[in-house]
N, C-alpha and C. Protein backbone atom coordinates (compact mmCIF):
# COMPACT_ATOMS: atom_id res chain seq x y z
N MET A 1 150.29 89.24 126.24
CA MET A 1 150.60 87.98 126.87
C MET A 1 149.57 86.92 126.49
N LYS A 2 148.29 87.31 126.46
CA LYS A 2 147.24 86.38 126.10
C LYS A 2 147.40 85.92 124.66
N THR A 3 147.80 86.83 123.77
CA THR A 3 148.01 86.49 122.36
C THR A 3 149.18 85.52 122.21
N GLU A 4 150.25 85.71 123.00
CA GLU A 4 151.40 84.81 122.94
C GLU A 4 151.02 83.40 123.37
N ARG A 5 150.20 83.28 124.44
CA ARG A 5 149.77 81.96 124.90
C ARG A 5 148.89 81.29 123.86
N TYR A 6 148.01 82.09 123.25
CA TYR A 6 147.12 81.54 122.22
C TYR A 6 147.94 81.05 121.03
N THR A 7 148.93 81.83 120.60
CA THR A 7 149.76 81.45 119.47
C THR A 7 150.58 80.19 119.80
N LEU A 8 151.17 80.14 120.98
CA LEU A 8 151.94 78.98 121.38
C LEU A 8 151.05 77.74 121.47
N LYS A 9 149.86 77.92 122.02
CA LYS A 9 148.92 76.81 122.13
C LYS A 9 148.51 76.31 120.75
N THR A 10 148.26 77.23 119.82
CA THR A 10 147.88 76.86 118.45
C THR A 10 149.01 76.10 117.76
N ILE A 11 150.23 76.56 117.94
CA ILE A 11 151.39 75.90 117.33
C ILE A 11 151.54 74.49 117.89
N MET A 12 151.42 74.34 119.21
CA MET A 12 151.58 73.02 119.83
C MET A 12 150.49 72.06 119.36
N ILE A 13 149.27 72.52 119.29
CA ILE A 13 148.17 71.66 118.83
C ILE A 13 148.38 71.27 117.37
N SER A 14 148.80 72.21 116.55
CA SER A 14 149.06 71.92 115.13
C SER A 14 150.16 70.87 114.98
N MET A 15 151.23 70.98 115.78
CA MET A 15 152.31 70.01 115.70
C MET A 15 151.84 68.63 116.14
N MET A 16 151.03 68.55 117.18
CA MET A 16 150.51 67.26 117.65
C MET A 16 149.63 66.62 116.59
N LEU A 17 148.76 67.40 115.97
CA LEU A 17 147.88 66.86 114.94
C LEU A 17 148.68 66.39 113.72
N ALA A 18 149.69 67.13 113.34
CA ALA A 18 150.52 66.72 112.20
C ALA A 18 151.24 65.42 112.50
N THR A 19 151.70 65.25 113.71
CA THR A 19 152.38 64.01 114.11
C THR A 19 151.42 62.84 114.08
N LEU A 20 150.21 63.02 114.56
CA LEU A 20 149.23 61.94 114.57
C LEU A 20 148.75 61.58 113.18
N ALA A 21 148.67 62.55 112.28
CA ALA A 21 148.15 62.29 110.94
C ALA A 21 149.18 61.66 110.02
N ALA A 22 150.47 61.86 110.30
CA ALA A 22 151.53 61.31 109.44
C ALA A 22 151.65 59.81 109.65
N PRO A 23 151.92 59.05 108.58
CA PRO A 23 152.13 57.61 108.77
C PRO A 23 153.39 57.36 109.58
N ALA A 24 153.35 56.34 110.39
CA ALA A 24 154.51 55.98 111.20
C ALA A 24 155.37 54.98 110.43
N TYR A 25 156.64 55.03 110.64
CA TYR A 25 157.55 54.09 110.01
C TYR A 25 158.33 53.39 111.11
N ALA A 26 158.91 52.28 110.77
CA ALA A 26 159.70 51.55 111.74
C ALA A 26 160.88 52.41 112.18
N ALA A 27 161.49 52.00 113.27
CA ALA A 27 162.62 52.75 113.83
C ALA A 27 163.62 53.09 112.73
N SER A 28 164.14 54.32 112.75
CA SER A 28 165.01 54.74 111.66
C SER A 28 166.40 54.10 111.72
N GLU A 29 166.89 53.75 112.92
CA GLU A 29 168.19 53.08 113.03
C GLU A 29 168.03 51.76 113.77
N TRP A 30 168.47 50.69 113.13
CA TRP A 30 168.39 49.36 113.74
C TRP A 30 169.30 48.42 112.96
N GLU A 31 169.63 47.29 113.57
CA GLU A 31 170.38 46.23 112.90
C GLU A 31 169.98 44.91 113.53
N ALA A 32 169.72 43.92 112.71
CA ALA A 32 169.28 42.62 113.22
C ALA A 32 170.06 41.49 112.55
N GLY A 33 170.41 40.51 113.34
CA GLY A 33 171.08 39.31 112.83
C GLY A 33 170.05 38.33 112.29
N ILE A 34 170.39 37.71 111.18
CA ILE A 34 169.53 36.71 110.53
C ILE A 34 170.39 35.49 110.27
N THR A 35 169.88 34.31 110.60
CA THR A 35 170.64 33.08 110.40
C THR A 35 169.88 32.14 109.48
N ALA A 36 170.56 31.63 108.46
CA ALA A 36 170.00 30.61 107.56
C ALA A 36 170.64 29.28 107.94
N THR A 37 169.82 28.27 108.21
CA THR A 37 170.31 26.96 108.66
C THR A 37 169.74 25.84 107.80
N VAL A 38 170.61 24.92 107.39
CA VAL A 38 170.22 23.70 106.69
C VAL A 38 170.98 22.57 107.37
N GLY A 39 170.28 21.65 108.01
CA GLY A 39 170.96 20.58 108.74
C GLY A 39 171.86 21.18 109.81
N ASN A 40 173.15 20.81 109.78
CA ASN A 40 174.11 21.34 110.76
C ASN A 40 174.84 22.59 110.26
N ALA A 41 174.58 23.00 109.03
CA ALA A 41 175.26 24.16 108.45
C ALA A 41 174.43 25.42 108.66
N SER A 42 175.11 26.52 108.93
CA SER A 42 174.41 27.80 109.07
C SER A 42 175.26 28.94 108.53
N ASN A 43 174.60 30.02 108.23
CA ASN A 43 175.24 31.21 107.69
C ASN A 43 174.54 32.41 108.34
N ARG A 44 175.32 33.30 108.93
CA ARG A 44 174.74 34.45 109.63
C ARG A 44 174.87 35.71 108.78
N LEU A 45 173.78 36.48 108.76
CA LEU A 45 173.71 37.74 108.01
C LEU A 45 173.29 38.86 108.94
N SER A 46 173.37 40.08 108.44
CA SER A 46 172.92 41.22 109.21
C SER A 46 172.31 42.25 108.26
N ALA A 47 171.13 42.74 108.63
CA ALA A 47 170.45 43.77 107.85
C ALA A 47 170.07 44.90 108.79
N GLY A 48 169.98 46.11 108.25
CA GLY A 48 169.57 47.21 109.10
C GLY A 48 169.56 48.54 108.39
N GLN A 49 169.36 49.58 109.17
CA GLN A 49 169.37 50.95 108.69
C GLN A 49 170.19 51.80 109.64
N LYS A 50 171.06 52.64 109.09
CA LYS A 50 171.88 53.56 109.88
C LYS A 50 171.90 54.91 109.17
N SER A 51 171.98 55.98 109.93
CA SER A 51 171.92 57.32 109.34
C SER A 51 173.11 57.64 108.45
N GLY A 52 174.28 57.05 108.67
CA GLY A 52 175.44 57.33 107.85
C GLY A 52 175.54 56.50 106.58
N ALA A 53 174.63 55.54 106.41
CA ALA A 53 174.68 54.64 105.24
C ALA A 53 173.85 55.19 104.09
N THR A 54 174.11 54.65 102.91
CA THR A 54 173.28 54.94 101.74
C THR A 54 172.57 53.64 101.36
N ASP A 55 171.73 53.69 100.34
CA ASP A 55 171.07 52.47 99.89
C ASP A 55 171.95 51.67 98.94
N GLY A 56 173.10 52.21 98.59
CA GLY A 56 174.05 51.51 97.73
C GLY A 56 175.11 50.79 98.55
N PHE A 57 176.17 50.37 97.88
CA PHE A 57 177.26 49.68 98.55
C PHE A 57 178.14 50.69 99.28
N ASP A 58 178.24 50.53 100.60
CA ASP A 58 179.09 51.38 101.44
C ASP A 58 180.15 50.50 102.08
N PRO A 59 181.43 50.66 101.74
CA PRO A 59 182.47 49.81 102.31
C PRO A 59 182.49 49.80 103.84
N GLY A 60 182.05 50.87 104.47
CA GLY A 60 182.03 50.93 105.92
C GLY A 60 180.88 50.16 106.55
N TYR A 61 179.88 49.81 105.76
CA TYR A 61 178.71 49.11 106.28
C TYR A 61 178.50 47.72 105.69
N GLU A 62 178.69 47.57 104.40
CA GLU A 62 178.47 46.28 103.76
C GLU A 62 179.71 45.40 103.90
N VAL A 63 179.48 44.10 104.13
CA VAL A 63 180.57 43.14 104.26
C VAL A 63 180.39 42.10 103.16
N PRO A 64 181.37 41.97 102.24
CA PRO A 64 181.23 41.00 101.15
C PRO A 64 181.05 39.57 101.66
N ALA A 65 180.21 38.81 100.97
CA ALA A 65 179.98 37.40 101.32
C ALA A 65 181.05 36.54 100.67
N MET A 66 181.39 35.47 101.35
CA MET A 66 182.37 34.53 100.81
C MET A 66 181.70 33.16 100.70
N PRO A 67 181.66 32.60 99.50
CA PRO A 67 180.98 31.31 99.33
C PRO A 67 181.72 30.18 100.03
N ALA A 68 180.96 29.40 100.79
CA ALA A 68 181.55 28.23 101.46
C ALA A 68 180.47 27.44 102.15
N GLY A 69 180.68 26.14 102.29
CA GLY A 69 179.82 25.30 103.09
C GLY A 69 178.54 24.83 102.42
N ASP A 70 177.70 24.18 103.24
CA ASP A 70 176.46 23.60 102.75
C ASP A 70 175.31 24.58 102.69
N VAL A 71 175.50 25.78 103.21
CA VAL A 71 174.48 26.82 103.06
C VAL A 71 175.20 28.13 102.77
N ARG A 72 174.71 28.82 101.78
CA ARG A 72 175.30 30.09 101.37
C ARG A 72 174.18 31.11 101.30
N ALA A 73 174.15 32.02 102.25
CA ALA A 73 173.11 33.06 102.29
C ALA A 73 173.78 34.42 102.12
N TYR A 74 173.13 35.29 101.37
CA TYR A 74 173.70 36.61 101.12
C TYR A 74 172.63 37.57 100.65
N PHE A 75 172.89 38.87 100.85
CA PHE A 75 172.07 39.93 100.29
C PHE A 75 172.74 40.37 99.00
N THR A 76 171.96 40.88 98.07
CA THR A 76 172.51 41.46 96.85
C THR A 76 172.41 42.97 96.96
N CYS A 77 173.55 43.64 96.85
CA CYS A 77 173.61 45.09 96.95
C CYS A 77 174.42 45.62 95.77
N GLU A 78 173.75 46.28 94.85
CA GLU A 78 174.39 46.79 93.64
C GLU A 78 175.18 45.70 92.92
N GLY A 79 174.59 44.52 92.79
CA GLY A 79 175.20 43.41 92.08
C GLY A 79 176.27 42.67 92.87
N ARG A 80 176.51 43.06 94.11
CA ARG A 80 177.51 42.41 94.95
C ARG A 80 176.81 41.55 96.00
N GLU A 81 177.42 40.43 96.32
CA GLU A 81 176.90 39.55 97.36
C GLU A 81 177.52 39.96 98.69
N VAL A 82 176.66 40.30 99.67
CA VAL A 82 177.15 40.78 100.97
C VAL A 82 176.46 40.03 102.12
N TRP A 83 177.18 39.88 103.21
CA TRP A 83 176.63 39.27 104.42
C TRP A 83 175.97 40.32 105.30
N ARG A 84 176.43 41.55 105.20
CA ARG A 84 175.86 42.65 105.99
C ARG A 84 175.41 43.72 105.02
N ASP A 85 174.12 44.10 105.10
CA ASP A 85 173.57 45.12 104.20
C ASP A 85 172.83 46.16 105.04
N ILE A 86 173.45 47.33 105.16
CA ILE A 86 172.88 48.42 105.94
C ILE A 86 172.43 49.51 104.97
N LYS A 87 171.16 49.86 105.05
CA LYS A 87 170.58 50.90 104.19
C LYS A 87 170.57 52.23 104.93
N GLY A 88 170.34 53.31 104.19
CA GLY A 88 170.20 54.63 104.80
C GLY A 88 168.95 54.68 105.67
N ALA A 89 168.97 55.53 106.67
CA ALA A 89 167.86 55.62 107.63
C ALA A 89 167.03 56.87 107.36
N ALA A 90 166.25 56.85 106.31
CA ALA A 90 165.34 57.96 106.01
C ALA A 90 163.91 57.47 106.26
N PRO A 91 163.21 58.05 107.22
CA PRO A 91 161.89 57.53 107.59
C PRO A 91 160.83 57.70 106.50
N ASP A 92 161.08 58.53 105.50
CA ASP A 92 160.06 58.73 104.47
C ASP A 92 160.23 57.79 103.27
N ASN A 93 161.21 56.90 103.31
CA ASN A 93 161.42 55.97 102.21
C ASN A 93 161.37 54.54 102.70
N LEU A 94 160.61 53.70 102.03
CA LEU A 94 160.56 52.29 102.37
C LEU A 94 161.81 51.61 101.82
N ARG A 95 162.23 50.52 102.45
CA ARG A 95 163.47 49.84 102.07
C ARG A 95 163.21 48.38 101.75
N GLU A 96 164.09 47.80 100.91
CA GLU A 96 164.04 46.37 100.59
C GLU A 96 165.44 45.80 100.59
N TRP A 97 165.54 44.56 101.10
CA TRP A 97 166.78 43.80 101.08
C TRP A 97 166.51 42.53 100.28
N ASP A 98 167.31 42.27 99.24
CA ASP A 98 167.17 41.06 98.43
C ASP A 98 168.05 39.98 99.03
N LEU A 99 167.43 38.89 99.49
CA LEU A 99 168.11 37.81 100.19
C LEU A 99 168.08 36.54 99.35
N SER A 100 169.22 35.92 99.15
CA SER A 100 169.31 34.65 98.42
C SER A 100 169.91 33.60 99.34
N ILE A 101 169.39 32.38 99.24
CA ILE A 101 169.92 31.26 100.01
C ILE A 101 170.13 30.11 99.05
N GLU A 102 171.36 29.57 99.05
CA GLU A 102 171.73 28.46 98.18
C GLU A 102 172.27 27.31 99.02
N SER A 103 171.93 26.08 98.63
CA SER A 103 172.46 24.92 99.32
C SER A 103 172.36 23.69 98.42
N PRO A 104 173.39 22.84 98.43
CA PRO A 104 173.32 21.60 97.66
C PRO A 104 172.48 20.52 98.37
N LEU A 105 172.05 20.79 99.61
CA LEU A 105 171.28 19.82 100.39
C LEU A 105 169.80 19.89 100.04
N THR A 106 169.47 19.53 98.80
CA THR A 106 168.08 19.61 98.35
C THR A 106 167.21 18.61 99.12
N GLY A 107 165.96 19.00 99.31
CA GLY A 107 165.02 18.17 100.05
C GLY A 107 165.06 18.38 101.55
N LYS A 108 166.08 19.07 102.04
CA LYS A 108 166.21 19.36 103.47
C LYS A 108 165.47 20.66 103.79
N THR A 109 165.11 20.84 105.05
CA THR A 109 164.44 22.06 105.49
C THR A 109 165.45 23.17 105.73
N VAL A 110 165.18 24.32 105.15
CA VAL A 110 165.97 25.53 105.40
C VAL A 110 165.16 26.38 106.38
N THR A 111 165.81 26.81 107.44
CA THR A 111 165.15 27.69 108.41
C THR A 111 165.90 29.00 108.47
N ILE A 112 165.17 30.08 108.31
CA ILE A 112 165.72 31.43 108.44
C ILE A 112 165.19 31.94 109.77
N SER A 113 166.08 32.37 110.66
CA SER A 113 165.64 32.81 111.98
C SER A 113 166.26 34.15 112.35
N TRP A 114 165.61 34.84 113.29
CA TRP A 114 166.04 36.15 113.77
C TRP A 114 165.41 36.38 115.13
N ASP A 115 165.87 37.38 115.82
CA ASP A 115 165.30 37.76 117.12
C ASP A 115 164.18 38.75 116.84
N SER A 116 162.93 38.31 116.98
CA SER A 116 161.79 39.16 116.64
C SER A 116 161.72 40.42 117.52
N ALA A 117 162.31 40.36 118.71
CA ALA A 117 162.33 41.54 119.58
C ALA A 117 163.34 42.58 119.11
N ALA A 118 164.30 42.17 118.27
CA ALA A 118 165.36 43.07 117.81
C ALA A 118 165.01 43.78 116.51
N VAL A 119 163.93 43.36 115.83
CA VAL A 119 163.57 43.99 114.56
C VAL A 119 162.44 44.98 114.79
N PRO A 120 162.42 46.06 114.03
CA PRO A 120 161.35 47.05 114.19
C PRO A 120 160.04 46.56 113.60
N GLY A 121 158.94 47.11 114.08
CA GLY A 121 157.64 46.83 113.47
C GLY A 121 157.66 47.30 112.03
N GLY A 122 156.92 46.62 111.19
CA GLY A 122 156.87 47.00 109.78
C GLY A 122 157.87 46.26 108.91
N LEU A 123 158.66 45.35 109.50
CA LEU A 123 159.63 44.59 108.73
C LEU A 123 159.00 43.25 108.34
N THR A 124 158.95 42.97 107.04
CA THR A 124 158.28 41.78 106.53
C THR A 124 159.22 40.96 105.66
N LEU A 125 159.23 39.64 105.88
CA LEU A 125 159.95 38.72 105.00
C LEU A 125 158.95 38.19 103.99
N LYS A 126 159.28 38.32 102.70
CA LYS A 126 158.39 37.87 101.64
C LYS A 126 159.05 36.77 100.83
N ASP A 127 158.24 35.74 100.53
CA ASP A 127 158.69 34.66 99.66
C ASP A 127 157.91 34.79 98.36
N PRO A 128 158.50 35.40 97.32
CA PRO A 128 157.77 35.62 96.06
C PRO A 128 157.30 34.33 95.39
N SER A 129 157.99 33.21 95.63
CA SER A 129 157.61 31.96 94.96
C SER A 129 156.34 31.35 95.54
N THR A 130 156.01 31.68 96.80
CA THR A 130 154.80 31.12 97.42
C THR A 130 153.78 32.18 97.78
N GLY A 131 154.21 33.44 97.79
CA GLY A 131 153.32 34.52 98.22
C GLY A 131 153.27 34.69 99.74
N ALA A 132 154.04 33.89 100.46
CA ALA A 132 154.04 33.99 101.92
C ALA A 132 154.67 35.31 102.37
N GLU A 133 154.09 35.89 103.43
CA GLU A 133 154.62 37.09 104.06
C GLU A 133 154.66 36.88 105.56
N VAL A 134 155.78 37.21 106.18
CA VAL A 134 155.97 37.00 107.61
C VAL A 134 156.30 38.33 108.28
N ASP A 135 155.54 38.70 109.29
CA ASP A 135 155.83 39.89 110.09
C ASP A 135 157.00 39.53 111.00
N MET A 136 158.18 40.07 110.72
CA MET A 136 159.39 39.67 111.43
C MET A 136 159.42 40.14 112.88
N SER A 137 158.56 41.10 113.26
CA SER A 137 158.52 41.53 114.65
C SER A 137 157.56 40.67 115.47
N ALA A 138 156.78 39.82 114.80
CA ALA A 138 155.82 38.95 115.50
C ALA A 138 156.23 37.49 115.48
N VAL A 139 156.99 37.09 114.47
CA VAL A 139 157.41 35.69 114.28
C VAL A 139 158.93 35.68 114.18
N SER A 140 159.58 34.62 114.68
CA SER A 140 161.05 34.61 114.71
C SER A 140 161.71 33.67 113.70
N SER A 141 160.91 33.06 112.80
CA SER A 141 161.55 32.20 111.79
C SER A 141 160.61 31.94 110.62
N TYR A 142 161.21 31.45 109.55
CA TYR A 142 160.49 31.03 108.34
C TYR A 142 161.23 29.81 107.81
N ALA A 143 160.49 28.77 107.42
CA ALA A 143 161.12 27.54 106.93
C ALA A 143 160.50 27.12 105.60
N TYR A 144 161.31 26.43 104.80
CA TYR A 144 160.85 25.90 103.52
C TYR A 144 161.72 24.70 103.16
N VAL A 145 161.25 23.91 102.21
CA VAL A 145 162.03 22.75 101.74
C VAL A 145 162.97 23.23 100.64
N ASN A 146 164.24 22.93 100.79
CA ASN A 146 165.27 23.40 99.88
C ASN A 146 165.18 22.74 98.50
N THR A 147 165.23 23.59 97.48
CA THR A 147 165.27 23.10 96.10
C THR A 147 166.57 23.53 95.42
N GLY A 148 167.50 24.08 96.21
CA GLY A 148 168.79 24.52 95.66
C GLY A 148 169.03 25.99 95.86
N ARG A 149 168.06 26.82 95.47
CA ARG A 149 168.21 28.27 95.61
C ARG A 149 166.84 28.88 95.88
N LYS A 150 166.81 29.85 96.78
CA LYS A 150 165.58 30.57 97.11
C LYS A 150 165.90 32.05 97.17
N ASN A 151 165.07 32.87 96.53
CA ASN A 151 165.20 34.32 96.59
C ASN A 151 164.05 34.87 97.43
N LEU A 152 164.39 35.64 98.43
CA LEU A 152 163.42 36.24 99.33
C LEU A 152 163.63 37.75 99.36
N VAL A 153 162.66 38.45 99.91
CA VAL A 153 162.76 39.91 100.04
C VAL A 153 162.38 40.28 101.47
N ILE A 154 163.20 41.11 102.08
CA ILE A 154 162.85 41.70 103.37
C ILE A 154 162.45 43.14 103.05
N GLN A 155 161.28 43.53 103.52
CA GLN A 155 160.76 44.84 103.15
C GLN A 155 160.34 45.62 104.40
N MET A 156 160.73 46.89 104.44
CA MET A 156 160.29 47.78 105.49
C MET A 156 159.00 48.43 105.00
N LYS A 157 157.93 48.34 105.80
CA LYS A 157 156.65 48.92 105.43
C LYS A 157 156.23 49.97 106.45
N GLU A 158 155.23 50.75 106.08
CA GLU A 158 154.63 51.68 107.03
C GLU A 158 154.00 50.90 108.16
N VAL A 159 154.06 51.47 109.36
CA VAL A 159 153.37 50.88 110.50
C VAL A 159 152.18 51.79 110.81
N ARG A 160 151.00 51.24 110.75
CA ARG A 160 149.80 52.05 110.99
C ARG A 160 149.15 51.65 112.29
């Protein structure tokens, strides 16, 4: 009986230490709405991770984008423009969403907004043209002056 308790105790301690030593990742399943706004025009998108999705185009998860209006925002998934891009939910792999925003309203401010409480920690919006990085769980928007087209990246990172 004493040996069984010792073995069980050793196993439990080992599991706790392994959990603490492993890097943490953002929640494995989530979905967040993102809105791109220029003047009175807006376009709503959705990004996330679900266990039934893959990192490629899944007809059950991705929704094709349709060009229209003064702001056109979309994710690129396997060469397709989509309004909804859901990636697979594997905690050991980091994820990226390629986001493009187009508008003929040059010189106007483009604001990209989201509910920071709805996104997991470790989600970052990156602007490769300026080097800006925004922690999407701490800040709820990003703005820039429109030059016609902007390519951004949303990246899931380790949370330490």
